[in-house]
N, C-alpha and C. Protein backbone atom coordinates (compact mmCIF):
# COMPACT_ATOMS: atom_id res chain seq x y z
N MET A 1 26.44 -17.03 -24.82
CA MET A 1 27.30 -16.16 -23.77
C MET A 1 27.13 -16.97 -22.25
N ASP A 2 28.05 -16.24 -21.27
CA ASP A 2 28.32 -17.16 -20.29
C ASP A 2 27.21 -16.31 -19.25
N PRO A 3 26.79 -16.08 -18.72
CA PRO A 3 26.25 -15.36 -17.34
C PRO A 3 26.96 -14.44 -16.44
N ALA A 4 28.25 -14.88 -16.87
CA ALA A 4 29.34 -13.97 -15.59
C ALA A 4 29.18 -13.11 -16.60
N ASP A 5 30.09 -13.42 -18.11
CA ASP A 5 30.35 -12.36 -18.95
C ASP A 5 29.58 -11.25 -19.26
N LEU A 6 28.20 -12.07 -19.80
CA LEU A 6 26.63 -10.72 -19.49
C LEU A 6 27.01 -10.17 -18.21
N ASP A 7 26.93 -10.30 -17.06
CA ASP A 7 27.24 -9.28 -15.58
C ASP A 7 28.04 -8.73 -15.81
N ARG A 8 29.49 -8.89 -16.14
CA ARG A 8 31.04 -7.88 -16.50
C ARG A 8 30.20 -7.07 -17.70
N ARG A 9 29.98 -7.21 -18.41
CA ARG A 9 29.72 -6.44 -19.52
C ARG A 9 28.23 -5.66 -19.08
N LEU A 10 27.37 -6.08 -18.29
CA LEU A 10 25.99 -5.29 -17.66
C LEU A 10 26.43 -4.09 -17.50
N ASP A 11 27.60 -4.77 -16.04
CA ASP A 11 28.66 -3.65 -14.81
C ASP A 11 29.23 -2.74 -15.28
N ARG A 12 30.16 -3.19 -16.50
CA ARG A 12 30.43 -1.81 -17.73
C ARG A 12 29.93 -1.34 -18.00
N GLU A 13 28.39 -1.33 -18.86
CA GLU A 13 27.83 -0.66 -19.74
C GLU A 13 27.34 0.07 -18.30
N LEU A 14 26.64 -0.15 -17.58
CA LEU A 14 26.39 0.64 -16.41
C LEU A 14 27.00 1.71 -15.52
N ARG A 15 28.03 1.69 -15.64
CA ARG A 15 29.08 2.68 -14.63
C ARG A 15 30.46 3.67 -15.99
N ALA A 16 29.37 3.01 -17.52
CA ALA A 16 29.47 4.32 -18.39
C ALA A 16 28.79 4.89 -18.45
N LEU A 17 28.09 4.93 -17.80
CA LEU A 17 26.28 5.92 -18.12
C LEU A 17 26.72 7.23 -16.86
N PRO A 18 26.29 8.42 -17.45
CA PRO A 18 26.44 9.82 -17.02
C PRO A 18 25.91 9.76 -15.56
N ARG A 19 26.49 9.99 -14.63
CA ARG A 19 25.77 9.79 -13.42
C ARG A 19 24.23 10.97 -13.65
N PRO A 20 23.19 10.58 -12.68
CA PRO A 20 21.87 11.62 -13.07
C PRO A 20 22.51 12.73 -11.87
N ARG A 21 22.04 13.95 -12.68
CA ARG A 21 22.63 15.31 -12.07
C ARG A 21 20.81 15.62 -11.37
N ALA A 22 20.79 15.88 -10.19
CA ALA A 22 19.72 16.62 -9.28
C ALA A 22 19.42 18.26 -10.35
N PRO A 23 17.71 18.78 -9.95
CA PRO A 23 17.35 19.33 -10.44
C PRO A 23 17.88 21.15 -9.91
N LEU A 24 18.07 21.92 -10.75
CA LEU A 24 18.93 23.22 -9.82
C LEU A 24 17.65 23.34 -8.86
N THR A 25 16.28 23.56 -9.40
CA THR A 25 16.02 23.85 -7.95
C THR A 25 15.56 22.83 -6.38
N LEU A 26 16.33 21.80 -6.69
CA LEU A 26 16.40 21.10 -5.18
C LEU A 26 17.01 21.63 -4.49
N VAL A 27 17.41 21.78 -3.97
CA VAL A 27 18.34 22.93 -3.02
C VAL A 27 16.98 23.89 -2.68
N PRO A 28 17.11 25.05 -3.55
CA PRO A 28 16.14 26.11 -2.90
C PRO A 28 14.96 25.18 -2.19
N ARG A 29 14.37 24.38 -2.56
CA ARG A 29 13.19 23.34 -1.84
C ARG A 29 13.19 23.35 -1.18
N VAL A 30 14.22 22.65 -1.27
CA VAL A 30 14.51 22.01 -0.07
C VAL A 30 15.15 22.99 1.52
N MET A 31 15.36 23.50 0.95
CA MET A 31 15.57 24.97 2.27
C MET A 31 14.94 25.43 2.12
N ALA A 32 13.68 25.75 1.33
CA ALA A 32 12.90 26.51 2.01
C ALA A 32 11.60 25.73 2.50
N ALA A 33 11.46 24.00 2.64
CA ALA A 33 11.07 23.22 3.55
C ALA A 33 11.46 23.44 4.85
N ALA A 34 12.61 23.15 4.52
CA ALA A 34 13.22 23.50 6.23
C ALA A 34 13.00 24.06 7.21
N ALA A 35 13.03 25.49 6.53
CA ALA A 35 12.61 26.81 7.40
C ALA A 35 11.14 26.75 7.35
N ARG A 36 10.06 26.31 7.09
CA ARG A 36 9.07 26.48 6.83
C ARG A 36 8.57 25.20 8.43
N GLN A 37 9.03 24.00 8.10
CA GLN A 37 8.99 22.84 9.47
C GLN A 37 9.70 23.87 10.87
N ALA A 38 10.97 24.54 10.97
CA ALA A 38 11.53 24.77 11.46
C ALA A 38 10.60 26.07 12.47
N ALA A 39 10.05 26.59 11.85
CA ALA A 39 8.97 27.79 11.83
C ALA A 39 7.88 27.27 12.42
N ALA A 40 7.70 26.56 11.65
CA ALA A 40 5.97 26.01 12.78
C ALA A 40 5.95 25.89 13.90
N PRO A 41 4.69 26.11 14.63
CA PRO A 41 4.69 25.97 15.90
C PRO A 41 4.35 24.37 16.05
N ALA A 42 5.41 24.05 17.80
CA ALA A 42 5.20 22.76 18.57
C ALA A 42 4.47 22.18 18.55
N PRO A 43 3.91 21.15 18.30
CA PRO A 43 2.54 20.57 18.78
C PRO A 43 1.89 21.30 20.03
N ALA A 44 0.87 21.13 20.39
CA ALA A 44 0.17 21.22 21.47
C ALA A 44 0.40 19.73 22.58
N PRO A 45 0.92 19.68 23.81
CA PRO A 45 1.10 18.58 24.44
C PRO A 45 -0.65 17.69 24.22
N THR A 46 -0.10 16.46 24.97
CA THR A 46 -1.53 15.87 24.87
C THR A 46 -1.45 14.88 26.00
N GLY A 47 -2.10 13.80 26.95
CA GLY A 47 -2.34 13.40 27.54
C GLY A 47 -3.16 13.98 29.14
N TRP A 48 -3.24 12.88 29.56
CA TRP A 48 -4.61 12.87 30.73
C TRP A 48 -4.27 14.30 31.28
N SER A 49 -3.11 14.61 31.55
CA SER A 49 -2.70 15.82 32.42
C SER A 49 -3.64 16.96 31.15
N THR A 50 -4.14 17.19 30.57
CA THR A 50 -4.05 18.22 29.40
C THR A 50 -5.85 18.20 29.25
N TRP A 51 -6.35 17.01 29.72
CA TRP A 51 -7.75 17.11 29.55
C TRP A 51 -8.31 17.87 30.51
N PRO A 52 -9.63 18.25 29.74
CA PRO A 52 -10.38 19.53 31.36
C PRO A 52 -10.65 18.04 32.87
N ARG A 53 -10.96 18.68 33.43
CA ARG A 53 -11.66 18.37 34.57
C ARG A 53 -12.58 17.39 35.10
N SER A 54 -13.73 18.03 34.08
CA SER A 54 -14.86 17.08 34.45
C SER A 54 -14.01 15.57 33.98
N TRP A 55 -13.55 15.50 32.84
CA TRP A 55 -12.88 14.77 31.70
C TRP A 55 -12.05 13.80 33.00
N GLN A 56 -11.36 14.06 33.75
CA GLN A 56 -10.41 13.31 34.70
C GLN A 56 -11.08 12.89 35.27
N THR A 57 -12.14 13.67 36.30
CA THR A 57 -12.92 13.27 36.82
C THR A 57 -13.62 11.94 36.85
N ALA A 58 -14.65 11.65 35.53
CA ALA A 58 -15.18 10.69 35.10
C ALA A 58 -13.56 9.40 34.99
N ALA A 59 -12.50 10.18 34.31
CA ALA A 59 -11.74 8.45 34.24
C ALA A 59 -11.40 8.33 35.46
N LEU A 60 -11.27 9.19 36.63
CA LEU A 60 -11.16 8.51 37.94
C LEU A 60 -11.56 7.64 38.60
N ALA A 61 -13.02 8.03 38.01
CA ALA A 61 -14.15 6.94 38.65
C ALA A 61 -14.88 5.80 38.09
N ALA A 62 -14.38 6.28 36.55
CA ALA A 62 -14.51 4.68 35.85
C ALA A 62 -13.36 3.53 36.54
N LEU A 63 -12.17 4.49 36.94
CA LEU A 63 -10.98 3.71 37.15
C LEU A 63 -11.17 2.59 38.64
N VAL A 64 -11.61 3.38 39.44
CA VAL A 64 -12.35 3.19 40.61
C VAL A 64 -13.40 2.40 40.39
N ALA A 65 -14.03 2.68 38.90
CA ALA A 65 -15.35 1.15 39.45
C ALA A 65 -14.63 0.25 39.07
N VAL A 66 -13.53 0.36 37.78
CA VAL A 66 -13.01 -1.51 37.51
C VAL A 66 -12.35 -2.26 38.44
N CYS A 67 -11.37 -1.26 39.16
CA CYS A 67 -10.84 -1.95 40.21
C CYS A 67 -11.74 -2.56 41.75
N ALA A 68 -12.83 -1.86 41.87
CA ALA A 68 -13.81 -2.43 43.02
C ALA A 68 -14.53 -3.57 42.50
N GLY A 69 -14.83 -3.61 40.71
CA GLY A 69 -15.27 -5.16 40.25
C GLY A 69 -14.14 -5.85 40.66
N ILE A 70 -12.88 -5.64 40.20
CA ILE A 70 -11.78 -6.74 39.91
C ILE A 70 -11.46 -7.26 41.56
N ALA A 71 -11.74 -6.54 42.67
CA ALA A 71 -11.80 -6.49 44.03
C ALA A 71 -13.28 -7.31 44.21
N TRP A 72 -14.25 -7.11 44.32
CA TRP A 72 -15.42 -7.95 44.21
C TRP A 72 -15.69 -9.52 43.67
N LEU A 73 -14.94 -9.56 42.07
CA LEU A 73 -14.88 -10.84 41.45
C LEU A 73 -14.17 -11.67 42.66
N LEU A 74 -12.47 -11.56 43.20
CA LEU A 74 -11.46 -12.31 44.00
C LEU A 74 -12.36 -12.29 45.80
N THR A 75 -13.13 -11.70 45.92
CA THR A 75 -13.47 -12.10 46.93
C THR A 75 -15.40 -12.84 47.15
N ALA A 76 -15.33 -13.08 45.82
CA ALA A 76 -16.61 -13.51 45.50
C ALA A 76 -17.45 -14.64 46.22
N PRO A 77 -18.40 -15.10 46.47
CA PRO A 77 -19.05 -15.96 47.27
C PRO A 77 -18.33 -17.60 46.31
N PRO A 78 -18.23 -18.57 46.86
CA PRO A 78 -18.22 -19.95 46.42
C PRO A 78 -18.88 -20.48 45.71
N ALA A 79 -20.12 -19.77 45.46
CA ALA A 79 -21.04 -20.51 45.01
C ALA A 79 -21.20 -20.28 43.52
N PRO A 80 -20.85 -19.12 43.05
CA PRO A 80 -20.81 -18.83 41.46
C PRO A 80 -19.53 -19.29 40.68
N VAL A 81 -18.22 -19.85 41.45
CA VAL A 81 -17.31 -20.46 41.63
C VAL A 81 -17.52 -21.54 40.96
N ALA A 82 -18.81 -22.18 41.53
CA ALA A 82 -18.68 -23.85 41.78
C ALA A 82 -19.66 -23.99 40.47
N GLU A 83 -20.24 -22.51 40.57
CA GLU A 83 -21.50 -23.23 38.94
C GLU A 83 -20.75 -23.01 37.71
N MET A 84 -19.70 -22.13 38.17
CA MET A 84 -18.54 -22.16 36.72
C MET A 84 -18.03 -23.62 36.75
N ALA A 85 -17.10 -23.85 37.64
CA ALA A 85 -16.45 -24.98 37.20
C ALA A 85 -17.41 -26.15 36.85
N ARG A 86 -18.81 -26.69 37.11
CA ARG A 86 -19.93 -27.52 36.90
C ARG A 86 -19.93 -27.21 35.10
N THR A 87 -20.64 -25.64 34.86
CA THR A 87 -20.16 -24.99 33.69
C THR A 87 -19.16 -25.55 32.59
N ALA A 88 -17.62 -25.73 33.00
CA ALA A 88 -16.70 -25.97 32.49
C ALA A 88 -16.59 -27.21 32.35
N GLY A 89 -16.80 -28.13 33.38
CA GLY A 89 -16.40 -29.59 32.61
C GLY A 89 -17.59 -30.08 32.28
N GLU A 90 -19.44 -29.25 31.95
CA GLU A 90 -19.71 -29.89 31.19
C GLU A 90 -19.38 -29.40 29.50
N THR A 91 -18.70 -28.10 29.23
CA THR A 91 -18.10 -28.17 28.58
C THR A 91 -16.91 -29.13 27.63
N ALA A 92 -16.48 -29.26 28.87
CA ALA A 92 -15.12 -29.81 28.56
C ALA A 92 -15.88 -31.53 28.04
N ALA A 93 -16.87 -31.88 29.01
CA ALA A 93 -17.20 -33.33 28.20
C ALA A 93 -17.52 -33.28 26.90
N LEU A 94 -18.58 -32.23 26.82
CA LEU A 94 -19.41 -31.72 24.86
C LEU A 94 -17.85 -31.79 24.15
N MET A 95 -16.86 -31.21 24.83
CA MET A 95 -15.62 -31.45 23.55
C MET A 95 -15.21 -32.33 23.26
N ARG A 96 -14.91 -33.44 24.41
CA ARG A 96 -14.32 -34.59 24.52
C ARG A 96 -15.53 -35.33 23.68
N VAL A 97 -16.80 -35.37 23.58
CA VAL A 97 -17.48 -36.35 22.89
C VAL A 97 -17.68 -35.63 21.05
N LEU A 98 -17.24 -34.26 20.82
CA LEU A 98 -17.60 -34.43 19.63
C LEU A 98 -15.42 -34.69 19.23
N TRP A 99 -15.01 -34.18 20.17
CA TRP A 99 -13.62 -34.97 19.52
C TRP A 99 -13.58 -36.19 19.00
N ASP A 100 -14.25 -37.03 19.56
CA ASP A 100 -14.30 -38.32 19.76
C ASP A 100 -15.12 -39.09 18.41
N VAL A 101 -16.05 -37.79 18.59
CA VAL A 101 -17.17 -38.85 17.06
C VAL A 101 -16.83 -37.86 15.79
N LEU A 102 -16.39 -36.78 15.85
CA LEU A 102 -16.17 -36.03 14.62
C LEU A 102 -14.90 -36.24 14.31
N LEU A 103 -14.04 -35.39 14.75
CA LEU A 103 -13.08 -34.96 14.30
C LEU A 103 -11.75 -36.58 14.33
N GLN A 104 -11.30 -37.16 15.48
CA GLN A 104 -11.06 -37.92 15.64
C GLN A 104 -10.80 -39.15 14.21
N PRO A 105 -11.98 -39.01 13.87
CA PRO A 105 -11.34 -40.15 13.04
C PRO A 105 -11.69 -39.31 11.27
N ALA A 106 -11.56 -38.21 11.14
CA ALA A 106 -11.63 -37.65 10.12
C ALA A 106 -9.76 -36.82 10.34
N ALA A 107 -9.12 -37.10 11.83
CA ALA A 107 -7.78 -36.57 11.33
C ALA A 107 -6.92 -37.29 10.58
N PRO A 108 -6.74 -38.35 10.26
CA PRO A 108 -5.64 -39.20 8.98
C PRO A 108 -5.98 -38.28 8.20
N TYR A 109 -7.33 -38.47 7.35
CA TYR A 109 -7.61 -38.29 6.56
C TYR A 109 -7.12 -36.41 6.15
N LEU A 110 -7.15 -35.89 7.13
CA LEU A 110 -6.50 -34.48 6.94
C LEU A 110 -5.63 -34.46 7.07
N LEU A 111 -5.08 -34.93 7.71
CA LEU A 111 -2.99 -35.59 7.62
C LEU A 111 -2.55 -35.71 6.21
N VAL A 112 -3.47 -36.47 5.97
CA VAL A 112 -2.93 -37.17 4.48
C VAL A 112 -2.81 -36.11 3.66
N LEU A 113 -4.06 -35.45 3.60
CA LEU A 113 -4.86 -33.97 2.20
C LEU A 113 -3.83 -33.27 2.95
N GLY A 114 -3.34 -32.84 3.90
CA GLY A 114 -2.19 -31.61 4.63
C GLY A 114 -0.93 -32.00 3.58
N VAL A 115 -0.46 -33.62 3.72
CA VAL A 115 0.82 -33.40 3.21
C VAL A 115 0.67 -33.61 1.94
N ALA A 116 -0.78 -34.28 1.48
CA ALA A 116 -0.33 -34.02 -0.41
C ALA A 116 -0.46 -32.55 -0.72
N PHE A 117 -0.66 -31.88 0.12
CA PHE A 117 -1.27 -30.29 -0.61
C PHE A 117 0.00 -29.76 -0.32
N ALA A 118 0.64 -30.01 0.33
CA ALA A 118 2.51 -29.41 0.11
C ALA A 118 3.48 -30.25 -0.18
N LEU A 119 3.25 -31.70 -0.98
CA LEU A 119 3.76 -31.82 -1.83
C LEU A 119 3.40 -31.56 -2.77
N ALA A 120 2.03 -30.78 -3.46
CA ALA A 120 1.80 -30.42 -4.33
C ALA A 120 2.86 -28.80 -4.88
N CYS A 121 2.58 -28.14 -3.80
CA CYS A 121 3.04 -26.78 -4.19
C CYS A 121 4.47 -26.81 -3.58
N ALA A 122 5.22 -27.73 -3.62
CA ALA A 122 7.05 -28.07 -3.59
C ALA A 122 6.94 -28.26 -4.88
N ALA A 123 6.11 -29.40 -5.67
CA ALA A 123 6.47 -29.66 -7.09
C ALA A 123 6.92 -28.44 -7.72
N ALA A 124 5.09 -27.91 -7.99
CA ALA A 124 4.68 -26.59 -7.99
C ALA A 124 6.30 -25.78 -8.37
N TRP A 125 6.19 -25.33 -7.06
CA TRP A 125 7.59 -24.65 -7.12
C TRP A 125 9.01 -24.82 -8.02
N ALA A 126 9.23 -26.40 -7.84
CA ALA A 126 10.40 -26.75 -8.12
C ALA A 126 10.17 -26.92 -10.42
N ALA A 127 9.02 -27.10 -10.24
CA ALA A 127 8.36 -27.05 -12.20
C ALA A 127 8.50 -25.14 -12.40
N LEU A 128 8.40 -24.14 -11.65
CA LEU A 128 8.90 -22.88 -11.51
C LEU A 128 10.01 -22.30 -11.67
N ASP A 129 10.78 -22.85 -10.77
CA ASP A 129 12.33 -22.99 -10.99
C ASP A 129 13.46 -23.77 -12.26
N VAL A 130 12.79 -24.51 -12.95
CA VAL A 130 13.09 -24.93 -13.95
C VAL A 130 12.96 -24.15 -15.04
N ALA A 131 11.20 -24.12 -15.29
CA ALA A 131 10.60 -23.57 -16.02
C ALA A 131 11.85 -21.82 -16.02
N LEU A 132 11.90 -21.11 -15.27
CA LEU A 132 12.60 -19.88 -15.08
C LEU A 132 13.83 -19.54 -15.25
N GLY A 133 14.23 -21.24 -15.18
CA GLY A 133 15.99 -21.28 -15.79
C GLY A 133 16.86 -20.79 -14.10
N GLY A 134 15.82 -21.44 -13.34
CA GLY A 134 17.39 -21.17 -11.74
C GLY A 134 16.27 -18.80 -11.57
N ALA A 135 15.55 -18.37 -12.30
CA ALA A 135 15.70 -16.98 -11.95
C ALA A 135 15.52 -16.68 -10.80
N SER A 136 14.48 -17.73 -10.06
CA SER A 136 14.45 -17.27 -8.87
C SER A 136 15.74 -17.80 -7.31
N GLN A 137 16.62 -17.90 -8.15
CA GLN A 137 18.42 -17.69 -6.73
C GLN A 137 18.78 -16.58 -7.46
N SER A 138 19.32 -16.02 -6.25
CA SER A 138 20.67 -15.52 -6.32
C SER A 138 21.97 -15.56 -6.54
């Protein structure tokens, strides 16, 4: 049988079925749930303004401390900055050595391995598509 004929026949059979009916208790249950929700109290307001005064004071003090710390870091003397730059330079040199010794020689092999895995996945997908008769296509 042609798939188009099968689709048409299935569509006819499904349309011939009677429409499902809702249970008789559905409307009263929905109306009762809506009434319960309408009668429920509104949720309590939330937010910083509803906190206790002591918590608000602590949060404000923490905010001031964070802002003061940021201001101190921005106006810090140049000695820590020079130390950080030297450490960053050493770290960059170490990463360059690791790249030259370990990663760069292995990069072509990893690329070939990645491409081989991608091709294997594509071949498996095509085999499944053929085995299922094109069922994965719409």
